Protein backbone atom coordinates (compact mmCIF):
# COMPACT_ATOMS: atom_id res chain seq x y z
CA UNK A 1 75.21 -71.69 190.71
CA UNK A 2 77.06 -72.89 193.77
CA UNK A 3 77.38 -70.60 196.80
CA UNK A 4 80.72 -69.62 198.35
CA UNK A 5 81.98 -72.33 200.70
CA UNK A 6 84.36 -72.06 203.70
CA UNK A 7 88.01 -72.26 202.64
CA UNK A 8 88.54 -75.20 205.01
CA UNK A 9 86.44 -77.33 202.62
CA UNK A 10 88.38 -76.42 199.46
CA UNK A 11 89.95 -79.21 197.39
CA UNK A 12 93.68 -79.61 198.01
CA UNK A 13 94.43 -81.81 195.00
CA UNK A 14 95.45 -79.06 192.55
CA UNK A 15 91.94 -78.50 191.16
CA UNK A 16 91.54 -74.93 189.87
CA UNK A 17 88.82 -73.06 191.79
CA UNK A 18 87.58 -69.52 192.45
CA UNK A 19 89.09 -68.07 195.64
CA UNK A 20 87.64 -65.16 197.60
CA UNK A 21 90.68 -63.33 198.97
CA UNK A 22 91.00 -61.56 202.31
CA UNK A 23 90.13 -57.86 201.74
CA UNK A 24 93.37 -56.62 203.34
CA UNK A 25 95.55 -58.23 200.64
CA UNK A 26 96.95 -56.17 197.79
CA UNK A 27 95.44 -58.37 195.06
CA UNK A 28 92.16 -58.81 193.24
CA UNK A 29 89.31 -59.81 195.54
CA UNK A 30 88.57 -62.99 193.53
CA UNK A 31 91.30 -65.17 192.02
CA UNK A 32 91.43 -68.39 190.03
CA UNK A 33 93.87 -70.64 191.81
CA UNK A 34 94.75 -74.03 193.26
CA UNK A 35 96.33 -75.50 196.37
CA UNK A 36 100.06 -76.23 196.20
CA UNK A 37 102.55 -77.55 198.73
CA UNK A 38 105.69 -75.39 198.93
CA UNK A 39 108.97 -75.96 200.75
CA UNK A 40 109.00 -72.48 202.31
CA UNK A 41 105.34 -71.99 203.27
CA UNK A 42 103.73 -75.42 203.27
CA UNK A 43 100.19 -75.30 201.91
CA UNK A 44 99.68 -72.20 199.77
CA UNK A 45 97.26 -70.93 197.16
CA UNK A 46 98.92 -70.49 193.78
CA UNK A 47 97.14 -68.24 191.30
CA UNK A 48 97.17 -68.29 187.53
CA UNK A 49 100.28 -66.27 186.73
CA UNK A 50 102.16 -68.23 189.45
CA UNK A 51 101.64 -65.70 192.26
CA UNK A 52 101.70 -67.52 195.61
CA UNK A 53 100.04 -66.42 198.84
CA UNK A 54 100.45 -68.17 202.17
CA UNK A 55 97.34 -70.08 203.27
CA UNK A 56 95.03 -70.17 205.13
CA UNK A 57 94.82 -66.44 205.99
CA UNK A 58 94.89 -65.31 202.35
CA UNK A 59 91.66 -66.91 201.11
CA UNK A 60 88.39 -66.91 203.03
CA UNK A 61 86.00 -68.83 200.72
CA UNK A 62 85.97 -70.83 197.52
CA UNK A 63 83.64 -72.18 194.83
CA UNK A 64 84.05 -74.37 191.74
CA UNK A 65 84.84 -72.67 188.45
CA UNK A 66 81.69 -72.06 186.39
CA UNK A 67 81.08 -74.17 183.30
CA UNK A 68 82.36 -72.48 180.11
CA UNK A 69 79.75 -70.81 177.93
CA UNK A 70 79.23 -72.42 174.56
CA UNK A 71 79.49 -70.08 171.60
């Protein structure tokens, strides 16, 4: 398994990744999300469910999504 990597190295091409969120935020500590450019905030992290949090302060680390388990 891959270790958590600094958020500054995260892909910004819309690839879905695991995001470790800043502990002071009122959301789950780990989110599945992707980078998105917004008119209001610029670069943001958009989560499944379309919740958006301003970057870079919101996420601290990232890692690729794990491979799905085969049934």
